[in-house]
Protein backbone atom coordinates (compact mmCIF):
# COMPACT_ATOMS: atom_id res chain seq x y z
CA UNK A 1 -8.97 -30.36 3.58
CA UNK A 2 -11.90 -30.76 5.94
CA UNK A 3 -10.42 -28.87 8.88
CA UNK A 4 -12.24 -25.66 9.62
CA UNK A 5 -10.69 -22.86 11.66
CA UNK A 6 -14.11 -21.87 12.91
CA UNK A 7 -14.75 -25.11 14.75
CA UNK A 8 -14.59 -25.01 18.51
CA UNK A 9 -11.88 -26.81 20.43
CA UNK A 10 -8.13 -26.79 20.68
CA UNK A 11 -5.90 -27.43 17.69
CA UNK A 12 -2.20 -27.76 17.07
CA UNK A 13 -0.06 -26.79 14.11
CA UNK A 14 3.56 -27.82 13.62
CA UNK A 15 6.24 -28.42 11.04
CA UNK A 16 7.81 -31.84 11.02
CA UNK A 17 10.28 -32.86 8.39
CA UNK A 18 8.97 -31.56 5.11
CA UNK A 19 5.33 -31.39 6.18
CA UNK A 20 2.86 -29.11 7.87
CA UNK A 21 0.87 -30.94 10.53
CA UNK A 22 -2.55 -29.84 11.75
CA UNK A 23 -3.63 -31.78 14.82
CA UNK A 24 -0.83 -34.22 14.05
CA UNK A 25 -1.96 -34.98 10.49
CA UNK A 26 -0.46 -33.75 7.18
CA UNK A 27 -2.09 -30.52 6.08
CA UNK A 28 -1.98 -28.66 2.77
CA UNK A 29 -2.32 -24.91 3.21
CA UNK A 30 -4.47 -23.39 0.46
CA UNK A 31 -4.37 -19.71 1.24
CA UNK A 32 -5.34 -16.48 -0.44
CA UNK A 33 -3.84 -13.12 0.43
CA UNK A 34 -5.81 -10.01 1.33
CA UNK A 35 -4.72 -7.05 3.42
CA UNK A 36 -7.15 -5.92 6.10
CA UNK A 37 -5.76 -2.36 6.09
CA UNK A 38 -6.63 -2.02 2.38
CA UNK A 39 -10.28 -3.02 2.86
CA UNK A 40 -13.09 -1.14 4.64
CA UNK A 41 -13.68 -2.87 7.94
CA UNK A 42 -17.35 -3.31 7.07
CA UNK A 43 -16.29 -5.55 4.16
CA UNK A 44 -13.85 -7.84 5.94
CA UNK A 45 -16.43 -10.57 6.44
CA UNK A 46 -17.68 -10.36 2.85
CA UNK A 47 -14.16 -10.83 1.48
CA UNK A 48 -13.34 -13.64 3.90
CA UNK A 49 -16.51 -15.58 3.14
CA UNK A 50 -15.72 -15.30 -0.56
CA UNK A 51 -12.25 -16.73 0.10
CA UNK A 52 -13.82 -19.68 1.87
CA UNK A 53 -16.39 -20.08 -0.90
CA UNK A 54 -13.62 -20.29 -3.51
CA UNK A 55 -12.25 -23.35 -1.70
CA UNK A 56 -9.44 -21.80 0.35
CA UNK A 57 -8.75 -22.91 3.91
CA UNK A 58 -6.54 -20.00 5.00
CA UNK A 59 -5.78 -16.35 4.39
CA UNK A 60 -2.51 -14.48 4.58
CA UNK A 61 -2.21 -10.83 5.44
CA UNK A 62 0.53 -8.24 5.72
CA UNK A 63 0.55 -5.77 8.60
CA UNK A 64 1.51 -2.18 7.82
CA UNK A 65 3.44 -0.87 10.80
CA UNK A 66 3.34 2.71 9.50
CA UNK A 67 -0.45 2.89 9.94
CA UNK A 68 -0.40 1.29 13.38
CA UNK A 69 2.24 3.72 14.70
CA UNK A 70 1.87 6.96 12.70
CA UNK A 71 4.06 8.80 15.22
CA UNK A 72 6.64 7.27 17.56
CA UNK A 73 4.81 5.73 20.52
CA UNK A 74 1.33 6.71 19.27
CA UNK A 75 -0.56 3.53 18.42
CA UNK A 76 -3.81 3.12 16.53
CA UNK A 77 -5.63 -0.22 16.46
CA UNK A 78 -9.04 1.23 15.62
CA UNK A 79 -11.11 0.92 12.43
CA UNK A 80 -9.21 -0.75 9.59
CA UNK A 81 -6.19 -1.16 11.92
CA UNK A 82 -8.01 -3.50 14.34
CA UNK A 83 -5.97 -6.57 13.51
CA UNK A 84 -7.40 -8.67 16.34
CA UNK A 85 -10.93 -8.12 15.06
CA UNK A 86 -9.87 -9.08 11.54
CA UNK A 87 -8.25 -12.30 12.73
CA UNK A 88 -11.32 -13.23 14.76
CA UNK A 89 -13.45 -12.53 11.68
CA UNK A 90 -11.25 -14.88 9.64
CA UNK A 91 -11.74 -17.60 12.25
CA UNK A 92 -15.48 -17.03 12.20
CA UNK A 93 -15.39 -17.52 8.43
CA UNK A 94 -13.62 -20.87 8.88
CA UNK A 95 -10.14 -19.76 7.77
CA UNK A 96 -6.70 -20.20 9.24
CA UNK A 97 -4.38 -17.18 9.24
CA UNK A 98 -0.79 -16.79 8.05
CA UNK A 99 0.47 -13.55 9.59
CA UNK A 100 3.01 -11.49 7.64
CA UNK A 101 3.89 -8.63 10.02
CA UNK A 102 7.22 -7.55 8.52
CA UNK A 103 8.40 -5.23 10.02
CA UNK A 104 9.08 -4.67 6.29
CA UNK A 105 6.33 -5.88 3.96
CA UNK A 106 6.95 -4.43 0.45
CA UNK A 107 3.40 -4.94 -0.93
CA UNK A 108 3.51 -1.86 -3.19
CA UNK A 109 2.88 0.12 0.00
CA UNK A 110 4.58 3.41 0.87
CA UNK A 111 8.08 2.60 2.29
CA UNK A 112 7.17 -1.08 2.25
CA UNK A 113 4.97 -0.59 5.32
CA UNK A 114 7.71 0.91 7.49
CA UNK A 115 6.77 4.12 9.33
CA UNK A 116 8.03 7.23 7.51
CA UNK A 117 9.08 8.85 10.79
CA UNK A 118 12.11 6.56 10.77
CA UNK A 119 13.44 8.77 7.97
CA UNK A 120 13.56 11.78 10.28
CA UNK A 121 16.89 10.36 11.40
CA UNK A 122 19.18 11.59 8.60
CA UNK A 123 21.61 8.67 8.70
CA UNK A 124 19.36 5.76 9.64
CA UNK A 125 19.73 2.40 7.91
CA UNK A 126 16.77 0.04 7.69
CA UNK A 127 16.36 -3.74 7.44
CA UNK A 128 19.60 -4.34 9.33
CA UNK A 129 21.04 -4.13 12.85
CA UNK A 130 21.22 -0.35 12.95
CA UNK A 131 20.46 -0.10 16.71
CA UNK A 132 17.91 2.69 16.26
CA UNK A 133 16.00 0.76 13.63
CA UNK A 134 16.18 -2.48 15.58
CA UNK A 135 14.95 -0.78 18.77
CA UNK A 136 11.94 0.59 16.85
CA UNK A 137 11.26 -2.89 15.43
CA UNK A 138 11.38 -4.47 18.87
CA UNK A 139 8.92 -1.89 20.19
CA UNK A 140 6.60 -2.65 17.27
CA UNK A 141 6.86 -6.38 17.80
CA UNK A 142 6.06 -6.07 21.49
CA UNK A 143 3.03 -3.87 20.88
CA UNK A 144 1.65 -5.90 17.96
CA UNK A 145 2.15 -9.14 19.87
CA UNK A 146 -0.14 -7.86 22.61
CA UNK A 147 -2.91 -7.78 19.98
CA UNK A 148 -2.30 -11.18 18.37
CA UNK A 149 -0.62 -13.35 21.01
CA UNK A 150 -3.88 -14.86 22.26
CA UNK A 151 -5.05 -15.56 18.71
CA UNK A 152 -2.43 -18.22 18.02
CA UNK A 153 -3.69 -21.72 17.33
CA UNK A 154 -2.23 -22.97 20.61
CA UNK A 155 -4.60 -20.62 22.44
CA UNK A 156 -7.69 -21.39 20.40
CA UNK A 157 -7.12 -18.81 17.65
CA UNK A 158 -6.59 -19.24 13.90
CA UNK A 159 -2.97 -18.02 13.51
CA UNK A 160 -0.89 -20.99 12.34
CA UNK A 161 2.34 -19.32 11.13
CA UNK A 162 4.20 -16.01 11.28
CA UNK A 163 6.61 -14.69 8.66
CA UNK A 164 10.00 -13.21 9.55
CA UNK A 165 10.67 -10.07 7.45
CA UNK A 166 9.86 -10.38 3.73
CA UNK A 167 11.95 -11.38 0.72
CA UNK A 168 15.04 -10.40 2.67
CA UNK A 169 17.31 -12.31 0.31
CA UNK A 170 16.35 -9.83 -2.42
CA UNK A 171 17.67 -6.98 -0.28
CA UNK A 172 20.41 -7.83 2.21
CA UNK A 173 22.45 -10.49 3.97
CA UNK A 174 22.42 -9.50 7.66
CA UNK A 175 21.38 -12.89 8.96
CA UNK A 176 21.87 -11.77 12.56
CA UNK A 177 19.19 -9.16 11.91
CA UNK A 178 16.76 -11.94 10.93
CA UNK A 179 17.70 -13.87 14.06
CA UNK A 180 17.14 -10.75 16.16
CA UNK A 181 13.62 -10.41 14.75
CA UNK A 182 12.91 -14.08 15.43
CA UNK A 183 14.11 -13.73 19.03
CA UNK A 184 11.98 -10.60 19.49
CA UNK A 185 8.84 -12.45 18.38
CA UNK A 186 9.66 -15.37 20.67
CA UNK A 187 10.30 -13.02 23.58
CA UNK A 188 6.92 -11.42 22.91
CA UNK A 189 5.17 -14.79 23.25
CA UNK A 190 4.79 -15.94 19.65
CA UNK A 191 5.10 -19.72 19.60
CA UNK A 192 3.61 -20.65 16.21
CA UNK A 193 6.05 -21.87 13.54
CA UNK A 194 7.93 -19.22 11.59
CA UNK A 195 8.49 -18.99 7.86
CA UNK A 196 10.42 -16.84 5.43
CA UNK A 197 9.59 -15.89 1.83
CA UNK A 198 12.16 -15.42 -0.93
CA UNK A 199 12.74 -15.90 -4.61
CA UNK A 200 13.80 -19.40 -5.68
CA UNK A 201 17.42 -18.43 -6.35
CA UNK A 202 20.48 -19.71 -4.45
CA UNK A 203 21.71 -16.29 -3.27
CA UNK A 204 18.26 -15.16 -2.14
CA UNK A 205 17.59 -18.39 -0.27
CA UNK A 206 20.98 -18.39 1.45
CA UNK A 207 20.60 -14.80 2.64
CA UNK A 208 16.89 -14.77 3.42
CA UNK A 209 16.03 -18.08 5.11
CA UNK A 210 16.42 -19.16 8.74
CA UNK A 211 17.19 -22.60 10.21
CA UNK A 212 14.02 -24.17 11.57
CA UNK A 213 11.68 -21.87 9.64
CA UNK A 214 9.53 -23.11 6.78
CA UNK A 215 10.72 -21.87 3.40
CA UNK A 216 8.29 -19.89 1.29
CA UNK A 217 9.02 -19.34 -2.40
CA UNK A 218 7.93 -16.19 -4.23
CA UNK A 219 6.91 -17.84 -6.47
CA UNK A 220 7.28 -21.61 -6.33
CA UNK A 221 5.48 -23.08 -9.33
CA UNK A 222 7.56 -26.01 -10.56
CA UNK A 223 9.90 -28.78 -9.46
CA UNK A 224 13.03 -26.74 -10.14
CA UNK A 225 11.91 -23.99 -7.76
CA UNK A 226 11.32 -26.48 -4.95
CA UNK A 227 14.54 -28.36 -5.68
CA UNK A 228 16.52 -25.14 -5.23
CA UNK A 229 15.13 -24.74 -1.71
CA UNK A 230 15.67 -28.40 -0.86
CA UNK A 231 19.41 -27.96 -1.58
CA UNK A 232 19.67 -26.06 1.70
CA UNK A 233 19.01 -29.34 3.50
CA UNK A 234 16.95 -27.71 6.24
CA UNK A 235 14.42 -30.51 6.67
CA UNK A 236 11.49 -28.08 6.78
CA UNK A 237 8.41 -27.64 4.59
CA UNK A 238 8.87 -25.73 1.35
CA UNK A 239 5.78 -24.06 -0.09
CA UNK A 240 4.68 -21.40 -2.57
CA UNK A 241 4.25 -18.32 -0.41
CA UNK A 242 3.27 -16.13 -3.38
CA UNK A 243 1.52 -17.45 -6.49
CA UNK A 244 0.60 -14.55 -8.74
CA UNK A 245 -2.90 -14.42 -10.27
CA UNK A 246 -2.18 -10.79 -11.18
CA UNK A 247 0.48 -8.09 -11.03
CA UNK A 248 1.36 -4.48 -10.22
CA UNK A 249 0.31 -1.50 -12.33
CA UNK A 250 2.20 1.82 -12.20
CA UNK A 251 1.03 5.22 -13.37
CA UNK A 252 1.56 5.71 -17.09
CA UNK A 253 1.60 1.97 -17.87
CA UNK A 254 -1.06 -0.28 -19.41
CA UNK A 255 -3.06 -2.36 -16.93
CA UNK A 256 -1.04 -5.40 -15.83
CA UNK A 257 -2.85 -8.66 -16.53
CA UNK A 258 -2.23 -12.35 -15.88
CA UNK A 259 -4.17 -14.73 -18.09
CA UNK A 260 -6.23 -17.34 -16.30
CA UNK A 261 -5.03 -19.99 -18.75
CA UNK A 262 -1.45 -19.28 -17.65
CA UNK A 263 -2.31 -19.40 -13.94
CA UNK A 264 -4.35 -22.61 -13.88
CA UNK A 265 -1.47 -24.98 -14.82
CA UNK A 266 0.72 -23.49 -12.07
CA UNK A 267 -1.92 -24.01 -9.40
CA UNK A 268 -2.78 -27.44 -10.77
CA UNK A 269 0.87 -28.49 -10.44
CA UNK A 270 0.94 -27.36 -6.81
CA UNK A 271 -2.30 -29.21 -6.05
CA UNK A 272 -1.23 -32.38 -7.85
CA UNK A 273 2.06 -32.46 -5.94
CA UNK A 274 0.58 -31.71 -2.54
CA UNK A 275 2.34 -28.36 -2.19
CA UNK A 276 0.93 -25.67 0.07
CA UNK A 277 0.38 -22.29 -1.55
CA UNK A 278 -0.77 -18.73 -1.06
CA UNK A 279 -2.42 -16.74 -3.88
CA UNK A 280 -0.91 -13.25 -3.99
CA UNK A 281 -3.41 -11.79 -4.26
CA UNK A 282 -6.84 -13.31 -3.75
CA UNK A 283 -8.20 -9.79 -3.26
CA UNK A 284 -6.12 -6.64 -3.52
CA UNK A 285 -8.25 -3.82 -2.17
CA UNK A 286 -7.27 -0.16 -2.48
CA UNK A 287 -4.33 2.11 -1.69
CA UNK A 288 -6.51 4.66 0.04
CA UNK A 289 -5.01 7.98 1.07
CA UNK A 290 -1.29 8.39 0.52
CA UNK A 291 -0.43 4.72 1.05
CA UNK A 292 0.53 3.64 -2.50
CA UNK A 293 4.24 2.95 -2.89
CA UNK A 294 6.60 2.99 -5.84
CA UNK A 295 9.27 0.94 -7.54
CA UNK A 296 12.51 1.96 -9.23
CA UNK A 297 13.89 0.36 -12.38
CA UNK A 298 15.45 2.62 -14.94
CA UNK A 299 13.26 5.34 -13.47
CA UNK A 300 10.96 6.07 -10.56
CA UNK A 301 7.61 4.24 -10.98
CA UNK A 302 4.78 5.23 -8.61
CA UNK A 303 1.98 2.71 -8.09
CA UNK A 304 -1.64 3.53 -8.91
CA UNK A 305 -4.34 3.90 -6.25
CA UNK A 306 -6.29 0.78 -7.20
CA UNK A 307 -4.77 -2.42 -5.88
CA UNK A 308 -7.17 -4.52 -7.94
CA UNK A 309 -4.08 -6.46 -9.11
CA UNK A 310 -6.18 -8.42 -11.62
CA UNK A 311 -7.07 -10.62 -8.63
CA UNK A 312 -9.76 -13.32 -8.57
CA UNK A 313 -11.87 -11.03 -6.39
CA UNK A 314 -11.76 -7.55 -7.89
CA UNK A 315 -11.29 -4.24 -6.08
CA UNK A 316 -15.04 -3.93 -5.53
CA UNK A 317 -15.14 -7.42 -4.03
CA UNK A 318 -16.86 -9.02 -7.01
CA UNK A 319 -15.90 -12.52 -8.18
CA UNK A 320 -14.33 -12.49 -11.64
CA UNK A 321 -14.16 -15.25 -14.28
CA UNK A 322 -10.72 -16.00 -12.83
CA UNK A 323 -12.35 -16.55 -9.42
CA UNK A 324 -14.78 -19.12 -10.81
CA UNK A 325 -12.06 -20.91 -12.78
CA UNK A 326 -9.99 -21.28 -9.60
CA UNK A 327 -13.07 -22.32 -7.63
CA UNK A 328 -13.79 -25.09 -10.12
CA UNK A 329 -10.20 -26.30 -9.91
CA UNK A 330 -10.17 -26.30 -6.10
CA UNK A 331 -13.58 -27.97 -5.88
CA UNK A 332 -12.42 -30.74 -8.20
CA UNK A 333 -9.49 -31.72 -5.99
CA UNK A 334 -11.29 -31.93 -2.64
CA UNK A 335 -10.79 -35.20 -0.79
CA UNK A 336 -13.98 -34.92 1.21
CA UNK A 337 -17.64 -34.81 0.29
CA UNK A 338 -18.22 -31.40 1.84
CA UNK A 339 -19.66 -28.94 -0.65
CA UNK A 340 -18.04 -25.54 -1.06
CA UNK A 341 -19.97 -22.80 0.74
CA UNK A 342 -22.26 -20.59 -1.28
CA UNK A 343 -21.14 -17.09 -2.15
CA UNK A 344 -22.54 -14.26 -0.03
CA UNK A 345 -25.18 -12.06 -1.61
CA UNK A 346 -23.72 -9.36 -3.89
CA UNK A 347 -23.17 -5.98 -2.29
CA UNK A 348 -25.19 -3.06 -3.69
CA UNK A 349 -23.58 -0.97 -6.43
CA UNK A 350 -24.85 2.46 -7.43
CA UNK A 351 -24.39 5.07 -10.11
CA UNK A 352 -24.25 8.76 -9.21
CA UNK A 353 -25.53 11.27 -11.77
CA UNK A 354 -23.02 13.75 -13.12
CA UNK A 355 -22.30 16.74 -10.87
CA UNK A 356 -20.01 19.77 -11.05
CA UNK A 357 -18.25 21.15 -7.95
CA UNK A 358 -19.43 24.73 -7.43
CA UNK A 359 -17.00 25.97 -4.75
CA UNK A 360 -13.24 26.48 -4.82
CA UNK A 361 -10.33 27.51 -2.61
CA UNK A 362 -6.67 28.13 -3.43
CA UNK A 363 -4.03 26.32 -1.43
CA UNK A 364 -2.02 29.57 -1.52
CA UNK A 365 -4.74 31.31 0.52
CA UNK A 366 -4.50 28.68 3.26
CA UNK A 367 -0.81 28.22 3.93
CA UNK A 368 0.27 27.38 7.48
CA UNK A 369 2.98 29.31 9.28
CA UNK A 370 6.29 28.69 7.50
CA UNK A 371 9.55 27.28 8.75
CA UNK A 372 12.57 29.42 7.86
CA UNK A 373 15.61 27.41 6.70
CA UNK A 374 18.88 28.20 4.89
CA UNK A 375 18.24 25.53 2.24
CA UNK A 376 15.37 23.18 1.43
CA UNK A 377 15.07 19.83 3.15
CA UNK A 378 12.85 16.78 2.80
CA UNK A 379 9.43 16.75 4.41
CA UNK A 380 10.59 14.22 7.00
CA UNK A 381 12.95 16.87 8.42
CA UNK A 382 9.81 18.92 9.17
CA UNK A 383 8.12 15.95 10.91
CA UNK A 384 5.82 15.38 7.94
CA UNK A 385 5.12 11.91 6.57
CA UNK A 386 2.76 12.33 3.58
CA UNK A 387 1.08 14.86 1.36
CA UNK A 388 2.47 18.03 -0.22
CA UNK A 389 5.03 20.65 0.77
CA UNK A 390 5.65 24.19 -0.51
CA UNK A 391 9.11 25.79 -0.74
CA UNK A 392 9.37 29.58 -1.23
CA UNK A 393 12.34 31.91 -1.71
CA UNK A 394 12.96 35.47 -2.87
CA UNK A 395 15.36 35.59 -5.78
CA UNK A 396 18.56 37.58 -5.27
CA UNK A 397 21.33 37.72 -7.86
CA UNK A 398 20.26 35.10 -10.38
CA UNK A 399 16.76 35.87 -11.65
CA UNK A 400 16.57 33.73 -14.81
CA UNK A 401 18.19 30.67 -16.36
CA UNK A 402 18.05 26.95 -15.73
CA UNK A 403 16.35 26.05 -12.44
CA UNK A 404 17.53 22.65 -11.17
CA UNK A 405 16.15 20.71 -8.20
CA UNK A 406 18.50 18.20 -6.57
CA UNK A 407 16.70 15.95 -5.97
CA UNK A 408 12.98 16.22 -6.63
CA UNK A 409 10.82 13.62 -4.90
CA UNK A 410 8.46 13.44 -6.71
CA UNK A 411 6.29 15.91 -8.68
CA UNK A 412 6.50 19.71 -8.61
CA UNK A 413 4.56 22.74 -9.73
CA UNK A 414 6.90 25.70 -10.36
CA UNK A 415 5.58 29.24 -9.88
CA UNK A 416 7.39 32.54 -10.53
CA UNK A 417 5.85 35.66 -9.00
CA UNK A 418 2.58 33.79 -8.49
CA UNK A 419 2.30 32.53 -12.07
CA UNK A 420 2.47 28.87 -12.94
CA UNK A 421 5.61 28.26 -15.02
CA UNK A 422 5.39 24.47 -15.46
CA UNK A 423 5.87 21.07 -13.84
CA UNK A 424 8.70 18.65 -13.13
CA UNK A 425 8.12 14.91 -12.80
CA UNK A 426 10.60 12.51 -11.24
CA UNK A 427 8.89 9.63 -13.08
CA UNK A 428 10.04 11.27 -16.31
CA UNK A 429 13.53 12.00 -14.93
CA UNK A 430 12.80 15.74 -15.02
CA UNK A 431 14.88 17.93 -12.71
CA UNK A 432 15.25 21.26 -14.56
CA UNK A 433 13.10 23.99 -16.07
CA UNK A 434 14.05 27.35 -17.60
CA UNK A 435 12.99 30.60 -15.95
CA UNK A 436 12.89 33.12 -18.79
CA UNK A 437 14.31 36.62 -18.46
CA UNK A 438 11.62 39.21 -17.72
CA UNK A 439 11.12 42.90 -17.13
CA UNK A 440 10.87 43.47 -14.26
CA UNK A 441 13.09 40.51 -13.23
CA UNK A 442 11.55 37.58 -11.39
CA UNK A 443 11.49 38.09 -7.63
CA UNK A 444 9.74 35.13 -5.95
CA UNK A 445 9.96 31.41 -6.57
CA UNK A 446 7.44 28.85 -5.26
CA UNK A 447 7.91 25.09 -5.63
CA UNK A 448 4.90 22.97 -4.64
CA UNK A 449 5.97 19.32 -4.32
CA UNK A 450 3.77 16.22 -4.15
CA UNK A 451 5.09 13.07 -2.51
CA UNK A 452 3.92 10.31 -4.85
CA UNK A 453 4.85 7.29 -2.73
CA UNK A 454 8.06 6.01 -1.21
CA UNK A 455 9.94 3.21 -2.94
CA UNK A 456 8.89 -0.12 -1.44
CA UNK A 457 11.33 -2.61 -2.98
CA UNK A 458 15.03 -2.82 -3.77
CA UNK A 459 18.10 -0.91 -2.68
CA UNK A 460 16.54 2.59 -2.84
CA UNK A 461 14.23 2.25 0.16
CA UNK A 462 15.63 5.41 1.76
CA UNK A 463 13.38 7.65 -0.31
CA UNK A 464 12.73 10.91 1.49
CA UNK A 465 10.16 13.25 0.00
CA UNK A 466 10.12 16.85 -1.16
CA UNK A 467 13.38 18.55 -2.12
CA UNK A 468 16.08 16.34 -0.67
CA UNK A 469 19.16 18.54 -1.14
CA UNK A 470 19.25 21.92 -2.94
CA UNK A 471 17.93 24.19 -5.67
CA UNK A 472 20.16 26.05 -8.13
CA UNK A 473 19.41 28.79 -10.66
CA UNK A 474 22.16 28.82 -13.25
CA UNK A 475 25.35 28.48 -11.19
CA UNK A 476 23.85 29.95 -8.01
CA UNK A 477 22.60 27.85 -5.10
CA UNK A 478 19.42 29.47 -3.81
CA UNK A 479 19.38 30.24 -0.09
CA UNK A 480 16.98 31.51 2.56
CA UNK A 481 13.75 29.56 2.17
CA UNK A 482 10.34 29.43 3.76
CA UNK A 483 8.86 25.94 3.96
CA UNK A 484 5.13 25.24 4.35
CA UNK A 485 4.26 21.61 5.24
CA UNK A 486 0.93 20.59 3.71
CA UNK A 487 0.04 17.09 5.00
CA UNK A 488 -3.53 17.48 3.68
CA UNK A 489 -4.85 15.89 6.86
CA UNK A 490 -8.22 16.58 8.47
CA UNK A 491 -6.84 19.41 10.61
CA UNK A 492 -5.60 21.23 7.50
CA UNK A 493 -8.72 20.56 5.45
CA UNK A 494 -10.88 22.07 8.19
CA UNK A 495 -9.13 25.42 7.66
CA UNK A 496 -10.29 25.76 4.04
CA UNK A 497 -12.67 28.60 3.26
CA UNK A 498 -14.57 27.96 0.03
CA UNK A 499 -16.24 30.51 -2.25
CA UNK A 500 -18.67 30.23 -5.15
CA UNK A 501 -18.09 31.82 -8.52
CA UNK A 502 -14.42 32.60 -7.94
CA UNK A 503 -11.77 31.09 -10.19
CA UNK A 504 -8.42 30.38 -8.51
CA UNK A 505 -5.65 32.58 -9.95
CA UNK A 506 -3.22 29.70 -10.40
CA UNK A 507 -3.19 25.87 -10.34
CA UNK A 508 -3.12 24.24 -6.93
CA UNK A 509 -6.77 24.51 -5.95
CA UNK A 510 -9.47 22.74 -3.98
CA UNK A 511 -12.97 22.19 -5.35
CA UNK A 512 -16.01 21.14 -3.33
CA UNK A 513 -19.36 19.62 -4.18
CA UNK A 514 -22.28 18.51 -2.05
CA UNK A 515 -24.50 15.79 -3.46
CA UNK A 516 -27.68 14.16 -2.18
CA UNK A 517 -28.08 10.38 -2.10
CA UNK A 518 -31.26 8.45 -1.37
CA UNK A 519 -29.39 5.13 -1.23
CA UNK A 520 -25.76 4.14 -0.77
CA UNK A 521 -23.71 1.49 -2.53
CA UNK A 522 -20.27 0.89 -3.92
CA UNK A 523 -19.29 3.13 -6.82
CA UNK A 524 -16.32 4.49 -8.74
CA UNK A 525 -15.85 8.24 -9.13
CA UNK A 526 -14.96 8.91 -12.75
CA UNK A 527 -12.22 11.59 -12.74
CA UNK A 528 -11.75 11.89 -16.49
CA UNK A 529 -11.51 15.59 -17.27
CA UNK A 530 -9.43 16.26 -14.16
CA UNK A 531 -5.61 16.37 -14.27
CA UNK A 532 -3.77 15.26 -11.12
CA UNK A 533 -4.75 15.25 -7.50
CA UNK A 534 -6.59 13.75 -4.53
CA UNK A 535 -10.26 13.11 -3.73
CA UNK A 536 -11.93 13.01 -0.32
CA UNK A 537 -15.49 11.80 0.30
CA UNK A 538 -16.94 12.74 3.68
CA UNK A 539 -13.38 13.20 5.02
CA UNK A 540 -12.23 9.79 3.69
CA UNK A 541 -9.25 10.04 1.36
CA UNK A 542 -9.91 7.90 -1.73
CA UNK A 543 -6.35 8.35 -3.02
CA UNK A 544 -4.66 9.81 -6.08
CA UNK A 545 -5.94 10.27 -9.61
CA UNK A 546 -3.78 11.27 -12.57
CA UNK A 547 -4.48 11.81 -16.24
CA UNK A 548 -1.29 9.80 -16.95
CA UNK A 549 -3.52 6.71 -16.51
CA UNK A 550 -4.33 3.94 -16.81
CA UNK A 551 -6.59 4.45 -13.78
CA UNK A 552 -9.32 7.05 -14.37
CA UNK A 553 -11.78 6.02 -11.65
CA UNK A 554 -11.42 5.92 -7.87
CA UNK A 555 -13.21 3.30 -5.75
CA UNK A 556 -15.66 4.78 -3.28
CA UNK A 557 -17.09 2.03 -1.06
CA UNK A 558 -20.59 2.34 0.35
CA UNK A 559 -19.38 2.76 3.97
CA UNK A 560 -17.75 6.06 2.94
CA UNK A 561 -21.15 7.39 1.77
CA UNK A 562 -24.35 8.20 3.63
CA UNK A 563 -27.99 8.85 2.85
CA UNK A 564 -28.57 12.55 2.50
CA UNK A 565 -25.81 15.11 1.95
CA UNK A 566 -22.31 13.94 0.99
CA UNK A 567 -19.30 16.21 0.64
CA UNK A 568 -16.86 15.61 -2.21
CA UNK A 569 -13.53 17.47 -2.00
CA UNK A 570 -10.90 17.52 -4.76
CA UNK A 571 -7.42 18.97 -4.76
CA UNK A 572 -6.08 19.31 -8.30
CA UNK A 573 -2.51 20.40 -8.97
CA UNK A 574 -3.10 21.61 -12.52
CA UNK A 575 -6.69 22.82 -12.98
CA UNK A 576 -8.21 26.20 -12.13
CA UNK A 577 -11.74 25.18 -13.09
CA UNK A 578 -13.76 22.12 -12.07
CA UNK A 579 -14.77 19.29 -14.39
CA UNK A 580 -17.86 17.05 -14.16
CA UNK A 581 -17.74 13.92 -11.96
CA UNK A 582 -20.09 10.94 -11.95
CA UNK A 583 -20.33 7.64 -10.12
CA UNK A 584 -20.02 4.50 -12.25
CA UNK A 585 -20.18 0.77 -11.62
CA UNK A 586 -16.72 -0.47 -12.58
CA UNK A 587 -13.01 0.33 -12.51
CA UNK A 588 -12.84 0.44 -16.32
């Protein structure tokens, strides 16, 4: 336990029999997971030092391909995407790194981390040997490897292992696809040991593991779990690749919690039996922007913006009682006399007095040029990855009756002749709404659709957004549409013209406030009183809020703020008047 990734000199890491070996000696990985793309870059070091101070010797991180390559061939390794800088920061903090680069990650992230532009191909299949998907994966692997290749332990860096895919045995059984990924990493110069991660079930382990790769269990918390993996007879280390101190929360659900008293015995068993482990998650971070994903059980279940996850280190980066309980446990099992590092100084937290946005702008006054199409299509068919999209048609023939959207992905405002008729919500299995008869008859239909997050786990990964097929009114299929993509990116937001004292004539409006700050610090914007929408602070997208709960407050880290004037921008789907906002000190 005394090895420190920050120490100078060459090291080696290998798997031999059932053990991990660091510099030729048995080594127990004690890792905590955090995702660099979910954390402001300015806070990477703070979070890493707190991992070290809790008694961990390694961190694991996913890599979200979709952020690194937002358009085919256009790469972005700046800011929160600078993976090489994050890995060097982990080494500086004295931590080894387990890299989990997918290409598929899951992680409650939109499309499991895959780039949405893959879905522009109408018949593509993912996580298999579809040649178009595999070619894109190989390009990603080559480009990412150029960033991390020299940070492997064999070259003086902290990377000790790399994961192939993620929980593949829960999805498919194309073992040649897994081999193809492994060969691509090897061809790109990755020489560290590989591992896989799967549930501790015979079918998952058979389909998801690879000969020669260490076997991670999601989770592995008792002898039966490990025995199941040992039945494969691979002669490789078996470890707990995901131990859950917390869990996922979806919109409309109570906060998910894991009791510390239930977690401690699981970790104690792993420690007592010399098993390596990774806490998923040590620190969750935030699903900023449009990055939150969704699950599908009996219904569609979008994930909230906060990725606090009930982790030992909360969304704001503060140690919780769970953190200190785990720290005490890890400190008590150390085999050396080295004292755990002290915690870094707490980061400043501020409150912001209540303010009311004074300016507004209607999205309907700022529509881009439309695309004319015979029938609606998903936003991916218009080269759009995230945000909102408006569909408009003039009604001919059928003017009233049951309006049905097949299929709605995911939330829609329905307008008839410029008046808001109602909403449809995929999460509530809503697809139809009645258009009442009127005099004169209805003439124009607008459908404003929000993409709430692509499914990130299971067999419904192909989850295109918007209207995926058709719209019918009674028995009539509605034709001849105008489509207005609304990605809500910086280029679009710069076109907004705000006015004071004017109330938007229908829901679907922007509101703007400017506030003065003498000091900056972390805060949460309390959005109670608002209905459903997005918040930007100084052009940084904080993510979604929704009165469905349980989340009512959005994390605004200090690096997003500045001394002096700060601009707060809100887009609300349902309100035509602003509500007060204030900055508070906690998520709840």
